[in-house]
C-alpha atoms as a PDB file:
ATOM      1  CA  VAL A   1      17.210  10.340 -31.138  1.00  0.00           C
ATOM      2  CA  THR A   2      17.036   6.725 -29.936  1.00  0.00           C
ATOM      3  CA  LYS A   3      20.977   5.250 -29.448  1.00  0.00           C
ATOM      4  CA  ASN A   4      19.494   1.589 -29.395  1.00  0.00           C
ATOM      5  CA  PRO A   5      21.018   0.272 -33.148  1.00  0.00           C
ATOM      6  CA  GLU A   6      18.332  -2.474 -33.044  1.00  0.00           C
ATOM      7  CA  ILE A   7      15.592   0.134 -32.440  1.00  0.00           C
ATOM      8  CA  LEU A   8      17.469   2.323 -35.047  1.00  0.00           C
ATOM      9  CA  ALA A   9      17.159  -0.631 -37.561  1.00  0.00           C
ATOM     10  CA  VAL A  10      13.531  -0.999 -37.384  1.00  0.00           C
ATOM     11  CA  ALA A  11      12.452   2.576 -36.538  1.00  0.00           C
ATOM     12  CA  SER A  12      10.696   3.196 -40.233  1.00  0.00           C
ATOM     13  CA  VAL A  13       8.505   0.306 -39.310  1.00  0.00           C
ATOM     14  CA  LEU A  14       7.677   1.406 -36.026  1.00  0.00           C
ATOM     15  CA  ILE A  15       7.318   4.973 -37.212  1.00  0.00           C
ATOM     16  CA  ASP A  16       4.806   3.318 -39.750  1.00  0.00           C
ATOM     17  CA  SER A  17       3.060   1.333 -36.956  1.00  0.00           C
ATOM     18  CA  LEU A  18       2.452   4.834 -35.261  1.00  0.00           C
ATOM     19  CA  SER A  19       0.969   6.681 -38.293  1.00  0.00           C
ATOM     20  CA  ASP A  20      -1.491   3.983 -39.269  1.00  0.00           C
ATOM     21  CA  PRO A  21      -2.019   1.315 -36.169  1.00  0.00           C
ATOM     22  CA  ASP A  22      -4.299  -0.526 -38.010  1.00  0.00           C
ATOM     23  CA  LYS A  23      -2.331  -1.819 -40.811  1.00  0.00           C
ATOM     24  CA  GLY A  24       1.285  -1.553 -39.116  1.00  0.00           C
ATOM     25  CA  THR A  25       1.201  -2.861 -35.275  1.00  0.00           C
ATOM     26  CA  ALA A  26       1.063  -6.903 -36.580  1.00  0.00           C
ATOM     27  CA  LYS A  27       4.039  -5.994 -38.937  1.00  0.00           C
ATOM     28  CA  ALA A  28       5.713  -3.769 -36.177  1.00  0.00           C
ATOM     29  CA  LEU A  29       5.626  -6.668 -33.880  1.00  0.00           C
ATOM     30  CA  ASP A  30       6.544  -9.369 -35.983  1.00  0.00           C
ATOM     31  CA  ILE A  31       9.792  -7.156 -36.871  1.00  0.00           C
ATOM     32  CA  VAL A  32      10.421  -6.132 -32.839  1.00  0.00           C
ATOM     33  CA  ILE A  33       9.886  -9.850 -31.953  1.00  0.00           C
ATOM     34  CA  GLU A  34      12.391 -11.243 -34.567  1.00  0.00           C
ATOM     35  CA  THR A  35      15.261  -8.494 -33.279  1.00  0.00           C
ATOM     36  CA  THR A  36      17.884  -9.681 -31.075  1.00  0.00           C
ATOM     37  CA  PHE A  37      18.338  -6.859 -28.583  1.00  0.00           C
ATOM     38  CA  VAL A  38      22.368  -6.634 -27.076  1.00  0.00           C
ATOM     39  CA  ASN A  39      21.712  -3.238 -26.281  1.00  0.00           C
ATOM     40  CA  ALA A  40      20.260  -1.254 -23.457  1.00  0.00           C
ATOM     41  CA  VAL A  41      16.800   0.598 -24.366  1.00  0.00           C
ATOM     42  CA  ASP A  42      16.795   4.212 -23.923  1.00  0.00           C
ATOM     43  CA  ALA A  43      13.918   6.625 -23.418  1.00  0.00           C
ATOM     44  CA  ALA A  44      13.617   7.540 -27.261  1.00  0.00           C
ATOM     45  CA  SER A  45      13.438   3.722 -28.008  1.00  0.00           C
ATOM     46  CA  LEU A  46      10.772   3.257 -25.488  1.00  0.00           C
ATOM     47  CA  ALA A  47       9.085   6.184 -26.970  1.00  0.00           C
ATOM     48  CA  LEU A  48       8.632   4.285 -30.160  1.00  0.00           C
ATOM     49  CA  LEU A  49       8.006   0.929 -28.780  1.00  0.00           C
ATOM     50  CA  VAL A  50       5.566   1.170 -26.202  1.00  0.00           C
ATOM     51  CA  PRO A  51       2.775   2.728 -28.450  1.00  0.00           C
ATOM     52  CA  VAL A  52       3.404  -0.567 -30.401  1.00  0.00           C
ATOM     53  CA  VAL A  53       3.349  -2.649 -27.318  1.00  0.00           C
ATOM     54  CA  GLN A  54       0.210  -0.931 -25.980  1.00  0.00           C
ATOM     55  CA  ARG A  55      -1.762  -1.353 -29.142  1.00  0.00           C
ATOM     56  CA  GLY A  56      -0.540  -5.057 -29.194  1.00  0.00           C
ATOM     57  CA  LEU A  57      -1.740  -5.621 -25.726  1.00  0.00           C
ATOM     58  CA  GLN A  58      -5.458  -3.840 -26.480  1.00  0.00           C
ATOM     59  CA  SER A  59      -5.870  -6.459 -29.713  1.00  0.00           C
ATOM     60  CA  ARG A  60      -8.225  -8.749 -29.992  1.00  0.00           C
ATOM     61  CA  ASN A  61      -5.752 -10.963 -31.638  1.00  0.00           C
ATOM     62  CA  THR A  62      -4.362 -13.654 -29.430  1.00  0.00           C
ATOM     63  CA  ASP A  63      -0.956 -13.659 -31.513  1.00  0.00           C
ATOM     64  CA  MET A  64      -0.512 -10.173 -31.596  1.00  0.00           C
ATOM     65  CA  LYS A  65      -1.090  -9.941 -27.273  1.00  0.00           C
ATOM     66  CA  LYS A  66       1.295 -12.822 -27.508  1.00  0.00           C
ATOM     67  CA  LYS A  67       4.218 -10.991 -29.473  1.00  0.00           C
ATOM     68  CA  ALA A  68       3.213  -7.653 -27.524  1.00  0.00           C
ATOM     69  CA  SER A  69       3.440  -9.189 -23.691  1.00  0.00           C
ATOM     70  CA  THR A  70       6.886 -10.577 -24.775  1.00  0.00           C
ATOM     71  CA  ILE A  71       8.071  -7.617 -26.020  1.00  0.00           C
ATOM     72  CA  ALA A  72       7.103  -5.847 -23.533  1.00  0.00           C
ATOM     73  CA  GLY A  73       9.021  -8.198 -20.902  1.00  0.00           C
ATOM     74  CA  ASN A  74      12.038  -7.983 -22.786  1.00  0.00           C
ATOM     75  CA  MET A  75      11.797  -4.139 -22.948  1.00  0.00           C
ATOM     76  CA  CYS A  76      11.537  -3.543 -19.546  1.00  0.00           C
ATOM     77  CA  ASN A  77      14.587  -5.966 -18.599  1.00  0.00           C
ATOM     78  CA  LEU A  78      16.928  -4.041 -21.231  1.00  0.00           C
ATOM     79  CA  VAL A  79      15.998  -0.751 -19.851  1.00  0.00           C
ATOM     80  CA  ALA A  80      19.411   1.169 -18.776  1.00  0.00           C
ATOM     81  CA  ASP A  81      17.910   3.283 -16.650  1.00  0.00           C
ATOM     82  CA  PRO A  82      14.252   2.207 -14.672  1.00  0.00           C
ATOM     83  CA  LYS A  83      13.539   5.621 -14.336  1.00  0.00           C
ATOM     84  CA  ASP A  84      12.810   5.697 -18.336  1.00  0.00           C
ATOM     85  CA  VAL A  85       9.812   3.215 -17.789  1.00  0.00           C
ATOM     86  CA  ALA A  86       8.143   5.605 -15.269  1.00  0.00           C
ATOM     87  CA  PRO A  87       6.241   7.802 -17.879  1.00  0.00           C
ATOM     88  CA  TYR A  88       5.156   4.814 -19.641  1.00  0.00           C
ATOM     89  CA  LEU A  89       3.578   3.073 -16.039  1.00  0.00           C
ATOM     90  CA  GLY A  90       0.251   4.589 -16.359  1.00  0.00           C
ATOM     91  CA  ASP A  91      -0.583   3.099 -19.527  1.00  0.00           C
ATOM     92  CA  LEU A  92       0.998  -0.028 -19.732  1.00  0.00           C
ATOM     93  CA  LEU A  93       0.305  -1.413 -15.980  1.00  0.00           C
ATOM     94  CA  PRO A  94      -3.576  -1.021 -16.303  1.00  0.00           C
ATOM     95  CA  THR A  95      -3.264  -2.965 -19.662  1.00  0.00           C
ATOM     96  CA  LEU A  96      -1.239  -5.638 -18.095  1.00  0.00           C
ATOM     97  CA  ARG A  97      -3.523  -5.892 -15.211  1.00  0.00           C
ATOM     98  CA  THR A  98      -6.170  -6.541 -17.715  1.00  0.00           C
ATOM     99  CA  THR A  99      -3.980  -8.766 -20.461  1.00  0.00           C
ATOM    100  CA  ILE A 100      -3.247 -11.212 -17.691  1.00  0.00           C
ATOM    101  CA  LEU A 101      -6.615 -11.932 -17.185  1.00  0.00           C
ATOM    102  CA  ASP A 102      -6.860 -13.228 -20.696  1.00  0.00           C
ATOM    103  CA  PRO A 103      -8.546 -16.714 -21.567  1.00  0.00           C
ATOM    104  CA  SER A 104      -5.621 -17.714 -23.356  1.00  0.00           C
ATOM    105  CA  PRO A 105      -3.175 -19.506 -21.402  1.00  0.00           C
ATOM    106  CA  GLU A 106      -0.160 -18.164 -23.262  1.00  0.00           C
ATOM    107  CA  VAL A 107      -1.063 -14.380 -23.384  1.00  0.00           C
ATOM    108  CA  ARG A 108      -1.612 -14.456 -19.696  1.00  0.00           C
ATOM    109  CA  ALA A 109       1.829 -16.010 -19.169  1.00  0.00           C
ATOM    110  CA  GLY A 110       3.253 -13.723 -21.304  1.00  0.00           C
ATOM    111  CA  ALA A 111       1.885 -10.712 -19.528  1.00  0.00           C
ATOM    112  CA  ALA A 112       2.760 -12.246 -16.256  1.00  0.00           C
ATOM    113  CA  ARG A 113       6.197 -12.342 -17.149  1.00  0.00           C
ATOM    114  CA  ALA A 114       6.102  -8.537 -18.428  1.00  0.00           C
ATOM    115  CA  LEU A 115       4.455  -7.468 -15.226  1.00  0.00           C
ATOM    116  CA  GLY A 116       7.105  -8.946 -13.401  1.00  0.00           C
ATOM    117  CA  SER A 117       9.326  -7.032 -15.302  1.00  0.00           C
ATOM    118  CA  LEU A 118       7.790  -3.918 -14.841  1.00  0.00           C
ATOM    119  CA  VAL A 119       7.786  -4.047 -11.338  1.00  0.00           C
ATOM    120  CA  LYS A 120      11.164  -3.660 -11.262  1.00  0.00           C
ATOM    121  CA  SER A 121      10.831  -0.201 -12.590  1.00  0.00           C
ATOM    122  CA  MET A 122       8.193   0.804 -10.160  1.00  0.00           C
ATOM    123  CA  GLU A 123       8.163   2.591  -6.984  1.00  0.00           C
ATOM    124  CA  GLU A 124       7.629   0.862  -3.591  1.00  0.00           C
ATOM    125  CA  ASP A 125       4.023   1.783  -3.356  1.00  0.00           C
ATOM    126  CA  GLU A 126       2.907   0.843  -6.463  1.00  0.00           C
ATOM    127  CA  ALA A 127       3.946  -2.275  -6.535  1.00  0.00           C
ATOM    128  CA  ALA A 128       2.788  -2.911  -3.070  1.00  0.00           C
ATOM    129  CA  VAL A 129      -0.630  -1.632  -4.212  1.00  0.00           C
ATOM    130  CA  LEU A 130       0.114  -3.866  -7.633  1.00  0.00           C
ATOM    131  CA  ILE A 131       0.058  -6.668  -5.076  1.00  0.00           C
ATOM    132  CA  ARG A 132      -2.531  -6.246  -3.432  1.00  0.00           C
ATOM    133  CA  HIS A 133      -4.924  -6.013  -6.375  1.00  0.00           C
ATOM    134  CA  LEU A 134      -3.166  -9.771  -7.503  1.00  0.00           C
ATOM    135  CA  LEU A 135      -4.132 -10.871  -4.322  1.00  0.00           C
ATOM    136  CA  ALA A 136      -7.225  -9.728  -3.863  1.00  0.00           C
ATOM    137  CA  THR A 137      -8.057 -10.880  -7.395  1.00  0.00           C
ATOM    138  CA  MET A 138      -7.025 -14.500  -6.842  1.00  0.00           C
ATOM    139  CA  LYS A 139      -9.006 -14.520  -3.593  1.00  0.00           C
ATOM    140  CA  SER A 140     -12.061 -12.683  -5.257  1.00  0.00           C
ATOM    141  CA  ASP A 141     -15.190 -14.749  -6.848  1.00  0.00           C
ATOM    142  CA  ALA A 142     -13.981 -14.363 -10.263  1.00  0.00           C
ATOM    143  CA  SER A 143     -13.672 -16.771 -12.765  1.00  0.00           C
ATOM    144  CA  MET A 144     -10.791 -19.557 -12.385  1.00  0.00           C
ATOM    145  CA  VAL A 145      -8.855 -18.016 -15.875  1.00  0.00           C
ATOM    146  CA  GLU A 146      -8.844 -14.397 -13.640  1.00  0.00           C
ATOM    147  CA  ARG A 147      -7.931 -16.273 -10.167  1.00  0.00           C
ATOM    148  CA  ALA A 148      -5.393 -18.015 -12.664  1.00  0.00           C
ATOM    149  CA  GLY A 149      -3.724 -15.364 -14.114  1.00  0.00           C
ATOM    150  CA  ALA A 150      -3.330 -12.986 -10.928  1.00  0.00           C
ATOM    151  CA  ALA A 151      -1.798 -16.070  -9.499  1.00  0.00           C
ATOM    152  CA  GLN A 152       0.464 -15.782 -12.551  1.00  0.00           C
ATOM    153  CA  GLY A 153       1.041 -11.932 -12.079  1.00  0.00           C
ATOM    154  CA  LEU A 154       1.940 -12.367  -8.058  1.00  0.00           C
ATOM    155  CA  ALA A 155       4.318 -15.601  -9.132  1.00  0.00           C
ATOM    156  CA  GLU A 156       6.368 -13.355 -11.329  1.00  0.00           C
ATOM    157  CA  VAL A 157       6.391 -10.181  -9.050  1.00  0.00           C
ATOM    158  CA  PRO A 158      10.201 -10.315  -7.813  1.00  0.00           C
END
């Protein structure tokens, strides 16, 4: 049971988006992005938020990606115990690594900030692997957009 009052207020919308992602994800992202969070996000809140954010990050819609990456960054900053994020790293990290390569500069910037916030919840060896990946992408023959995305991601990593 979530203890976060802001999540409790929008829980029905989040649950609806989980039961019908095609119809509910955009609405859930809109409501969460407009919510002002003043309390810490707990593990139960993450269980409701992360699938919606994940779906938004994987969307083809640029606006949904921007909102989802902003929520992901804010969510990681509001977590009371970084260990609560650990179960979601396996899903969020690869998606954010892909999202920082998006053609939209706004999406890349939001995803880079989210990645920087997520690193705070990672073990040191996991963060080192991510940093190596970002450096390798920057030095690769990938497109300018991909190299710029990797550079933005690296710039946000503390």
